[in-house]
Amino acid sequence: MALVLVQEYGLGFDTANSYAAVQDGDDYHEGHLYASAWTAATAERKAAALVMATRVIDTMTRFYGVKATAAQALQWPREDCPDPNSPGVVLDNDLVPAAVLAAACELARELLLVDRTAAPPGEGIQKQHNADYSETVYSKEDTRPMLPWLVQAMLAPYGDPVAGGMTAKLIRV
């Protein structure tokens, strides 16, 4: 069965699976200096990359506020999410911010380059001795984040990255 991309526009669709359409990705990458992975991909691969990018964004970001409806499939639209450009004001609960759409497009391109969801090379290796007595040591701190730094920066006004796959909600009393 072929993938059907269903874009979330801010209406809280229960079948949505992407924050961006393929045309949105094409428009975003027109001004991208390193767009070749995107422009070389078929429309089907672009759609799959956007759907996967949306999954990763929703999993790896704890957005401010709460889902606008209980039935919606994705994290956006949201209620009570502060507007980063207007202190004391919250975003309308019937939109997906342009930065979230752009982040999905950026991450989709990155996913076309490499599977960022895979375990990093050398995971679990502390030391490796070869027959010629050379040694390999991997730094666990020098790994590629699942959400690239640029995508994290795009999403930062609307939520916090989930560190290490775990998050805890802070409640002030």
N, C-alpha and C. Protein backbone atom coordinates (compact mmCIF):
# COMPACT_ATOMS: atom_id res chain seq x y z
N MET A 1 0.84 -1.18 0.00
CA MET A 1 0.00 0.00 0.00
C MET A 1 0.89 1.24 0.00
N ALA A 2 0.59 2.15 -0.86
CA ALA A 2 1.40 3.36 -1.00
C ALA A 2 1.12 4.34 0.14
N LEU A 3 2.16 5.04 0.52
CA LEU A 3 2.04 6.06 1.56
C LEU A 3 1.20 7.22 1.06
N VAL A 4 0.26 7.66 1.89
CA VAL A 4 -0.53 8.84 1.59
C VAL A 4 -0.15 9.89 2.62
N LEU A 5 0.46 10.97 2.17
CA LEU A 5 0.85 12.05 3.06
C LEU A 5 -0.40 12.88 3.36
N VAL A 6 -0.69 13.07 4.65
CA VAL A 6 -1.81 13.90 5.08
C VAL A 6 -1.23 15.03 5.91
N GLN A 7 -1.26 16.24 5.36
CA GLN A 7 -0.64 17.39 6.02
C GLN A 7 -1.56 17.95 7.11
N GLU A 8 -0.95 18.30 8.23
CA GLU A 8 -1.66 18.98 9.32
C GLU A 8 -1.56 20.48 9.08
N TYR A 9 -2.69 21.12 8.89
CA TYR A 9 -2.74 22.57 8.64
C TYR A 9 -3.06 23.37 9.89
N GLY A 10 -3.47 22.68 10.95
CA GLY A 10 -3.88 23.39 12.15
C GLY A 10 -5.30 23.05 12.56
N LEU A 11 -5.90 22.08 11.86
CA LEU A 11 -7.28 21.70 12.16
C LEU A 11 -7.38 20.50 13.10
N GLY A 12 -6.26 19.88 13.43
CA GLY A 12 -6.27 18.75 14.36
C GLY A 12 -6.77 17.47 13.72
N PHE A 13 -6.34 17.19 12.49
CA PHE A 13 -6.76 15.97 11.79
C PHE A 13 -6.33 14.72 12.55
N ASP A 14 -7.22 13.75 12.62
CA ASP A 14 -6.87 12.49 13.29
C ASP A 14 -6.09 11.54 12.37
N THR A 15 -5.95 11.91 11.10
CA THR A 15 -5.20 11.10 10.14
C THR A 15 -3.93 11.77 9.65
N ALA A 16 -3.62 12.96 10.15
CA ALA A 16 -2.43 13.69 9.70
C ALA A 16 -1.16 12.91 10.04
N ASN A 17 -0.18 12.99 9.14
CA ASN A 17 1.09 12.31 9.39
C ASN A 17 2.30 13.17 9.01
N SER A 18 2.07 14.45 8.66
CA SER A 18 3.17 15.32 8.29
C SER A 18 2.80 16.78 8.54
N TYR A 19 3.80 17.56 8.90
CA TYR A 19 3.61 19.01 9.04
C TYR A 19 3.81 19.74 7.72
N ALA A 20 4.34 19.06 6.72
CA ALA A 20 4.63 19.71 5.44
C ALA A 20 4.23 18.80 4.29
N ALA A 21 3.82 19.40 3.21
CA ALA A 21 3.56 18.69 1.97
C ALA A 21 4.84 18.68 1.13
N VAL A 22 4.88 17.82 0.12
CA VAL A 22 6.05 17.75 -0.75
C VAL A 22 6.32 19.12 -1.38
N GLN A 23 5.27 19.83 -1.78
CA GLN A 23 5.46 21.16 -2.37
C GLN A 23 6.09 22.13 -1.37
N ASP A 24 5.71 22.01 -0.08
CA ASP A 24 6.34 22.84 0.95
C ASP A 24 7.84 22.55 1.01
N GLY A 25 8.20 21.26 0.94
CA GLY A 25 9.61 20.89 0.94
C GLY A 25 10.34 21.43 -0.27
N ASP A 26 9.68 21.35 -1.43
CA ASP A 26 10.29 21.90 -2.65
C ASP A 26 10.53 23.40 -2.50
N ASP A 27 9.52 24.12 -1.98
CA ASP A 27 9.64 25.57 -1.78
C ASP A 27 10.76 25.89 -0.78
N TYR A 28 10.82 25.15 0.33
CA TYR A 28 11.85 25.37 1.35
C TYR A 28 13.25 25.17 0.76
N HIS A 29 13.40 24.13 -0.02
CA HIS A 29 14.74 23.79 -0.53
C HIS A 29 15.18 24.64 -1.72
N GLU A 30 14.28 25.43 -2.28
CA GLU A 30 14.70 26.36 -3.35
C GLU A 30 15.79 27.29 -2.87
N GLY A 31 15.73 27.70 -1.62
CA GLY A 31 16.73 28.61 -1.08
C GLY A 31 17.77 27.93 -0.22
N HIS A 32 17.90 26.63 -0.35
CA HIS A 32 18.83 25.86 0.48
C HIS A 32 20.11 25.58 -0.31
N LEU A 33 21.23 25.90 0.27
CA LEU A 33 22.51 25.73 -0.40
C LEU A 33 22.87 24.26 -0.61
N TYR A 34 22.38 23.38 0.26
CA TYR A 34 22.74 21.95 0.19
C TYR A 34 21.50 21.10 -0.06
N ALA A 35 20.73 21.44 -1.07
CA ALA A 35 19.45 20.81 -1.33
C ALA A 35 19.52 19.58 -2.22
N SER A 36 20.68 19.17 -2.67
CA SER A 36 20.76 18.11 -3.68
C SER A 36 20.13 16.80 -3.24
N ALA A 37 20.23 16.43 -1.98
CA ALA A 37 19.60 15.19 -1.53
C ALA A 37 18.08 15.28 -1.68
N TRP A 38 17.54 16.46 -1.43
CA TRP A 38 16.10 16.66 -1.58
C TRP A 38 15.70 16.70 -3.05
N THR A 39 16.39 17.51 -3.83
CA THR A 39 15.99 17.69 -5.23
C THR A 39 16.18 16.42 -6.05
N ALA A 40 17.09 15.54 -5.67
CA ALA A 40 17.33 14.30 -6.40
C ALA A 40 16.31 13.22 -6.04
N ALA A 41 15.60 13.39 -4.93
CA ALA A 41 14.66 12.36 -4.47
C ALA A 41 13.37 12.39 -5.28
N THR A 42 12.73 11.21 -5.38
CA THR A 42 11.42 11.13 -6.02
C THR A 42 10.37 11.73 -5.09
N ALA A 43 9.21 12.03 -5.63
CA ALA A 43 8.11 12.56 -4.81
C ALA A 43 7.74 11.58 -3.70
N GLU A 44 7.79 10.28 -3.98
CA GLU A 44 7.46 9.27 -2.97
C GLU A 44 8.48 9.28 -1.83
N ARG A 45 9.76 9.39 -2.17
CA ARG A 45 10.82 9.44 -1.13
C ARG A 45 10.70 10.72 -0.31
N LYS A 46 10.38 11.83 -0.97
CA LYS A 46 10.19 13.10 -0.27
C LYS A 46 9.04 12.98 0.72
N ALA A 47 7.93 12.40 0.29
CA ALA A 47 6.78 12.24 1.17
C ALA A 47 7.14 11.36 2.37
N ALA A 48 7.83 10.26 2.13
CA ALA A 48 8.23 9.37 3.22
C ALA A 48 9.18 10.09 4.18
N ALA A 49 10.09 10.89 3.64
CA ALA A 49 11.03 11.64 4.49
C ALA A 49 10.29 12.66 5.34
N LEU A 50 9.28 13.33 4.78
CA LEU A 50 8.51 14.31 5.56
C LEU A 50 7.69 13.64 6.65
N VAL A 51 7.12 12.48 6.36
CA VAL A 51 6.36 11.75 7.38
C VAL A 51 7.29 11.29 8.50
N MET A 52 8.45 10.75 8.14
CA MET A 52 9.41 10.31 9.16
C MET A 52 9.94 11.49 9.96
N ALA A 53 10.21 12.60 9.28
CA ALA A 53 10.70 13.79 9.98
C ALA A 53 9.67 14.27 11.00
N THR A 54 8.40 14.24 10.64
CA THR A 54 7.35 14.65 11.57
C THR A 54 7.30 13.71 12.77
N ARG A 55 7.43 12.41 12.54
CA ARG A 55 7.46 11.44 13.66
C ARG A 55 8.61 11.75 14.62
N VAL A 56 9.78 11.99 14.04
CA VAL A 56 10.96 12.26 14.88
C VAL A 56 10.78 13.57 15.65
N ILE A 57 10.29 14.60 14.99
CA ILE A 57 10.07 15.88 15.66
C ILE A 57 9.08 15.71 16.82
N ASP A 58 7.96 15.02 16.57
CA ASP A 58 6.96 14.84 17.62
C ASP A 58 7.49 13.99 18.78
N THR A 59 8.36 13.04 18.48
CA THR A 59 8.91 12.17 19.51
C THR A 59 10.02 12.85 20.30
N MET A 60 10.84 13.65 19.61
CA MET A 60 12.04 14.21 20.23
C MET A 60 11.88 15.64 20.75
N THR A 61 10.65 16.19 20.71
CA THR A 61 10.43 17.55 21.20
C THR A 61 9.23 17.57 22.14
N ARG A 62 9.43 18.16 23.31
CA ARG A 62 8.32 18.36 24.24
C ARG A 62 7.85 19.79 24.04
N PHE A 63 6.78 19.92 23.25
CA PHE A 63 6.26 21.24 22.91
C PHE A 63 5.52 21.85 24.10
N TYR A 64 5.53 23.17 24.16
CA TYR A 64 4.82 23.89 25.21
C TYR A 64 3.32 23.81 24.96
N GLY A 65 2.53 23.92 26.00
CA GLY A 65 1.09 23.84 25.89
C GLY A 65 0.64 22.39 25.79
N VAL A 66 -0.57 22.21 25.29
CA VAL A 66 -1.16 20.88 25.15
C VAL A 66 -1.80 20.77 23.77
N LYS A 67 -2.03 19.54 23.33
CA LYS A 67 -2.70 19.33 22.05
C LYS A 67 -4.03 20.06 22.06
N ALA A 68 -4.42 20.61 20.91
CA ALA A 68 -5.67 21.35 20.80
C ALA A 68 -6.88 20.44 20.93
N THR A 69 -6.77 19.20 20.44
CA THR A 69 -7.86 18.24 20.58
C THR A 69 -7.28 16.88 20.96
N ALA A 70 -8.06 16.09 21.66
CA ALA A 70 -7.60 14.77 22.07
C ALA A 70 -7.49 13.82 20.88
N ALA A 71 -8.26 14.06 19.83
CA ALA A 71 -8.30 13.14 18.69
C ALA A 71 -7.21 13.38 17.65
N GLN A 72 -6.52 14.52 17.70
CA GLN A 72 -5.53 14.82 16.65
C GLN A 72 -4.37 13.85 16.70
N ALA A 73 -3.83 13.56 15.53
CA ALA A 73 -2.76 12.58 15.41
C ALA A 73 -1.39 13.12 15.80
N LEU A 74 -1.14 14.40 15.53
CA LEU A 74 0.18 14.99 15.75
C LEU A 74 0.18 15.93 16.95
N GLN A 75 1.36 16.42 17.32
CA GLN A 75 1.47 17.32 18.47
C GLN A 75 0.93 18.72 18.19
N TRP A 76 0.88 19.13 16.92
CA TRP A 76 0.31 20.42 16.55
C TRP A 76 -0.99 20.19 15.83
N PRO A 77 -1.96 21.08 16.02
CA PRO A 77 -1.96 22.37 16.72
C PRO A 77 -1.99 22.20 18.24
N ARG A 78 -1.69 23.31 18.96
CA ARG A 78 -1.59 23.26 20.41
C ARG A 78 -2.35 24.42 21.05
N GLU A 79 -2.78 24.18 22.26
CA GLU A 79 -3.38 25.23 23.09
C GLU A 79 -2.34 25.67 24.11
N ASP A 80 -2.41 26.91 24.49
CA ASP A 80 -1.56 27.47 25.56
C ASP A 80 -0.07 27.44 25.25
N CYS A 81 0.29 27.48 23.98
CA CYS A 81 1.70 27.56 23.60
C CYS A 81 2.05 29.05 23.50
N PRO A 82 3.01 29.50 24.29
CA PRO A 82 3.37 30.93 24.25
C PRO A 82 3.86 31.36 22.86
N ASP A 83 3.46 32.54 22.46
CA ASP A 83 3.93 33.13 21.21
C ASP A 83 5.32 33.70 21.48
N PRO A 84 6.36 33.17 20.83
CA PRO A 84 7.73 33.65 21.11
C PRO A 84 7.95 35.10 20.71
N ASN A 85 7.08 35.65 19.89
CA ASN A 85 7.24 37.02 19.43
C ASN A 85 6.38 38.02 20.17
N SER A 86 5.53 37.54 21.07
CA SER A 86 4.63 38.42 21.82
C SER A 86 4.51 37.92 23.25
N PRO A 87 5.37 38.39 24.14
CA PRO A 87 5.32 37.94 25.53
C PRO A 87 3.92 38.11 26.14
N GLY A 88 3.48 37.08 26.84
CA GLY A 88 2.18 37.11 27.49
C GLY A 88 1.03 36.71 26.58
N VAL A 89 1.32 36.42 25.31
CA VAL A 89 0.29 36.02 24.35
C VAL A 89 0.54 34.57 23.96
N VAL A 90 -0.55 33.80 23.77
CA VAL A 90 -0.40 32.43 23.30
C VAL A 90 -0.77 32.36 21.82
N LEU A 91 -0.21 31.37 21.16
CA LEU A 91 -0.50 31.16 19.74
C LEU A 91 -1.94 30.71 19.56
N ASP A 92 -2.51 31.02 18.41
CA ASP A 92 -3.83 30.51 18.08
C ASP A 92 -3.78 28.99 18.07
N ASN A 93 -4.87 28.36 18.49
CA ASN A 93 -4.89 26.90 18.58
C ASN A 93 -5.31 26.23 17.27
N ASP A 94 -5.25 26.97 16.17
CA ASP A 94 -5.62 26.40 14.88
C ASP A 94 -4.53 26.63 13.84
N LEU A 95 -3.28 26.52 14.27
CA LEU A 95 -2.18 26.70 13.33
C LEU A 95 -1.01 25.79 13.67
N VAL A 96 -0.20 25.59 12.67
CA VAL A 96 1.10 24.95 12.83
C VAL A 96 2.11 26.04 12.49
N PRO A 97 2.97 26.44 13.44
CA PRO A 97 3.92 27.53 13.15
C PRO A 97 4.79 27.23 11.93
N ALA A 98 5.10 28.28 11.20
CA ALA A 98 5.94 28.14 10.00
C ALA A 98 7.29 27.50 10.35
N ALA A 99 7.80 27.76 11.54
CA ALA A 99 9.09 27.17 11.94
C ALA A 99 8.99 25.66 12.10
N VAL A 100 7.84 25.16 12.53
CA VAL A 100 7.65 23.71 12.65
C VAL A 100 7.61 23.08 11.26
N LEU A 101 6.93 23.72 10.34
CA LEU A 101 6.90 23.25 8.95
C LEU A 101 8.31 23.25 8.37
N ALA A 102 9.05 24.33 8.57
CA ALA A 102 10.42 24.43 8.05
C ALA A 102 11.33 23.37 8.69
N ALA A 103 11.15 23.13 9.99
CA ALA A 103 11.95 22.12 10.68
C ALA A 103 11.69 20.73 10.09
N ALA A 104 10.44 20.44 9.75
CA ALA A 104 10.11 19.15 9.13
C ALA A 104 10.80 19.03 7.77
N CYS A 105 10.82 20.10 7.01
CA CYS A 105 11.49 20.08 5.70
C CYS A 105 12.99 19.89 5.85
N GLU A 106 13.59 20.59 6.80
CA GLU A 106 15.04 20.48 7.03
C GLU A 106 15.40 19.07 7.49
N LEU A 107 14.64 18.53 8.43
CA LEU A 107 14.93 17.19 8.93
C LEU A 107 14.69 16.15 7.84
N ALA A 108 13.69 16.34 7.00
CA ALA A 108 13.44 15.40 5.91
C ALA A 108 14.65 15.30 4.99
N ARG A 109 15.27 16.44 4.68
CA ARG A 109 16.48 16.44 3.86
C ARG A 109 17.59 15.66 4.55
N GLU A 110 17.76 15.92 5.84
CA GLU A 110 18.79 15.22 6.62
C GLU A 110 18.54 13.70 6.61
N LEU A 111 17.28 13.30 6.72
CA LEU A 111 16.95 11.87 6.73
C LEU A 111 17.21 11.22 5.36
N LEU A 112 17.11 11.99 4.30
CA LEU A 112 17.45 11.47 2.98
C LEU A 112 18.96 11.23 2.86
N LEU A 113 19.74 11.97 3.63
CA LEU A 113 21.20 11.81 3.60
C LEU A 113 21.66 10.61 4.41
N VAL A 114 21.09 10.44 5.61
CA VAL A 114 21.53 9.38 6.53
C VAL A 114 20.40 9.06 7.51
N ASP A 115 20.34 7.81 7.93
CA ASP A 115 19.34 7.40 8.91
C ASP A 115 19.78 7.88 10.29
N ARG A 116 19.23 9.01 10.71
CA ARG A 116 19.60 9.59 12.01
C ARG A 116 18.97 8.83 13.16
N THR A 117 18.04 7.92 12.88
CA THR A 117 17.40 7.15 13.95
C THR A 117 18.16 5.87 14.27
N ALA A 118 19.14 5.50 13.46
CA ALA A 118 19.93 4.29 13.69
C ALA A 118 20.93 4.51 14.82
N ALA A 119 21.34 3.42 15.41
CA ALA A 119 22.37 3.50 16.45
C ALA A 119 23.65 4.05 15.83
N PRO A 120 24.39 4.87 16.60
CA PRO A 120 25.63 5.42 16.04
C PRO A 120 26.67 4.33 15.81
N PRO A 121 27.53 4.51 14.81
CA PRO A 121 28.60 3.53 14.56
C PRO A 121 29.46 3.37 15.80
N GLY A 122 29.80 2.14 16.11
CA GLY A 122 30.66 1.88 17.25
C GLY A 122 29.95 1.89 18.58
N GLU A 123 28.61 1.93 18.56
CA GLU A 123 27.88 1.95 19.82
C GLU A 123 28.28 0.74 20.66
N GLY A 124 28.63 0.98 21.88
CA GLY A 124 29.01 -0.09 22.79
C GLY A 124 30.49 -0.41 22.80
N ILE A 125 31.27 0.10 21.86
CA ILE A 125 32.70 -0.20 21.83
C ILE A 125 33.42 0.72 22.81
N GLN A 126 34.11 0.14 23.74
CA GLN A 126 34.94 0.90 24.65
C GLN A 126 36.37 0.95 24.12
N LYS A 127 36.89 -0.23 23.77
CA LYS A 127 38.23 -0.33 23.19
C LYS A 127 38.24 -1.51 22.23
N GLN A 128 39.10 -1.44 21.26
CA GLN A 128 39.24 -2.53 20.31
C GLN A 128 40.72 -2.73 20.03
N HIS A 129 41.19 -3.94 20.25
CA HIS A 129 42.59 -4.27 19.97
C HIS A 129 42.65 -5.10 18.70
N ASN A 130 43.48 -4.70 17.79
CA ASN A 130 43.67 -5.44 16.55
C ASN A 130 44.94 -6.27 16.63
N ALA A 131 45.14 -7.14 15.66
CA ALA A 131 46.30 -8.03 15.66
C ALA A 131 47.61 -7.25 15.69
N ASP A 132 47.63 -6.06 15.10
CA ASP A 132 48.87 -5.29 15.09
C ASP A 132 48.98 -4.38 16.32
N TYR A 133 48.14 -4.60 17.31
CA TYR A 133 48.15 -3.89 18.59
C TYR A 133 47.69 -2.44 18.49
N SER A 134 47.04 -2.10 17.39
CA SER A 134 46.45 -0.76 17.37
C SER A 134 45.19 -0.79 18.21
N GLU A 135 44.71 0.37 18.59
CA GLU A 135 43.57 0.44 19.51
C GLU A 135 42.55 1.44 18.99
N THR A 136 41.27 1.09 19.12
CA THR A 136 40.18 1.97 18.73
C THR A 136 39.37 2.30 19.97
N VAL A 137 39.15 3.57 20.22
CA VAL A 137 38.33 4.02 21.34
C VAL A 137 37.34 5.04 20.79
N TYR A 138 36.05 4.86 21.09
CA TYR A 138 35.03 5.79 20.62
C TYR A 138 34.57 6.69 21.76
N SER A 139 34.33 7.93 21.46
CA SER A 139 33.81 8.86 22.45
C SER A 139 32.28 8.84 22.39
N LYS A 140 31.64 8.51 23.46
CA LYS A 140 30.18 8.46 23.51
C LYS A 140 29.57 9.86 23.44
N GLU A 141 30.35 10.87 23.75
CA GLU A 141 29.86 12.24 23.71
C GLU A 141 29.89 12.84 22.31
N ASP A 142 30.66 12.23 21.40
CA ASP A 142 30.82 12.76 20.06
C ASP A 142 29.93 11.99 19.08
N THR A 143 28.62 12.10 19.30
CA THR A 143 27.67 11.42 18.42
C THR A 143 26.75 12.45 17.77
N ARG A 144 26.23 12.10 16.64
CA ARG A 144 25.31 12.96 15.90
C ARG A 144 23.95 12.91 16.60
N PRO A 145 23.37 14.07 16.94
CA PRO A 145 22.05 14.05 17.57
C PRO A 145 20.98 13.63 16.57
N MET A 146 19.93 12.98 17.06
CA MET A 146 18.85 12.57 16.17
C MET A 146 18.21 13.79 15.52
N LEU A 147 18.02 14.85 16.32
CA LEU A 147 17.53 16.12 15.78
C LEU A 147 18.73 17.02 15.56
N PRO A 148 19.04 17.34 14.30
CA PRO A 148 20.20 18.20 14.04
C PRO A 148 20.09 19.53 14.79
N TRP A 149 21.22 20.15 15.04
CA TRP A 149 21.24 21.40 15.80
C TRP A 149 20.38 22.47 15.15
N LEU A 150 20.38 22.57 13.83
CA LEU A 150 19.56 23.56 13.15
C LEU A 150 18.08 23.31 13.39
N VAL A 151 17.65 22.06 13.33
CA VAL A 151 16.25 21.73 13.58
C VAL A 151 15.89 22.04 15.04
N GLN A 152 16.78 21.72 15.97
CA GLN A 152 16.53 22.06 17.37
C GLN A 152 16.37 23.56 17.55
N ALA A 153 17.19 24.34 16.86
CA ALA A 153 17.10 25.80 16.96
C ALA A 153 15.78 26.31 16.38
N MET A 154 15.34 25.71 15.28
CA MET A 154 14.07 26.11 14.68
C MET A 154 12.90 25.84 15.61
N LEU A 155 12.96 24.73 16.35
CA LEU A 155 11.87 24.33 17.24
C LEU A 155 11.95 24.94 18.63
N ALA A 156 13.11 25.48 18.99
CA ALA A 156 13.34 25.99 20.36
C ALA A 156 12.31 26.98 20.85
N PRO A 157 11.78 27.90 20.03
CA PRO A 157 10.77 28.83 20.55
C PRO A 157 9.46 28.16 20.96
N TYR A 158 9.26 26.91 20.54
CA TYR A 158 7.98 26.23 20.75
C TYR A 158 8.06 25.02 21.66
N GLY A 159 9.27 24.63 22.07
CA GLY A 159 9.41 23.47 22.94
C GLY A 159 10.86 23.15 23.22
N ASP A 160 11.06 22.12 24.01
CA ASP A 160 12.39 21.71 24.42
C ASP A 160 12.71 20.33 23.84
N PRO A 161 13.97 20.12 23.43
CA PRO A 161 14.33 18.78 22.95
C PRO A 161 14.28 17.77 24.09
N VAL A 162 13.88 16.56 23.75
CA VAL A 162 13.87 15.48 24.72
C VAL A 162 15.30 14.96 24.80
N ALA A 163 15.91 15.04 25.95
CA ALA A 163 17.30 14.61 26.12
C ALA A 163 17.35 13.14 26.52
N GLY A 164 18.13 12.38 25.77
CA GLY A 164 18.33 10.97 26.12
C GLY A 164 17.06 10.13 26.02
N GLY A 165 16.06 10.63 25.31
CA GLY A 165 14.84 9.86 25.15
C GLY A 165 13.91 9.92 26.35
N MET A 166 14.27 10.67 27.37
CA MET A 166 13.46 10.75 28.58
C MET A 166 13.16 12.21 28.87
N THR A 167 12.00 12.48 29.40
CA THR A 167 11.64 13.82 29.81
C THR A 167 10.75 13.76 31.04
N ALA A 168 10.81 14.78 31.83
CA ALA A 168 9.94 14.88 33.00
C ALA A 168 9.30 16.27 32.98
N LYS A 169 8.03 16.32 33.30
CA LYS A 169 7.33 17.59 33.33
C LYS A 169 7.56 18.24 34.66
N LEU A 170 8.00 19.50 34.64
CA LEU A 170 8.23 20.26 35.85
C LEU A 170 6.94 20.99 36.21
N ILE A 171 6.46 20.76 37.41
CA ILE A 171 5.25 21.42 37.88
C ILE A 171 5.63 22.30 39.07
N ARG A 172 5.37 23.59 38.93
CA ARG A 172 5.68 24.53 40.01
C ARG A 172 4.43 24.76 40.82
N VAL A 173 4.60 24.76 42.11
CA VAL A 173 3.45 25.02 43.00
C VAL A 173 3.70 26.22 43.86
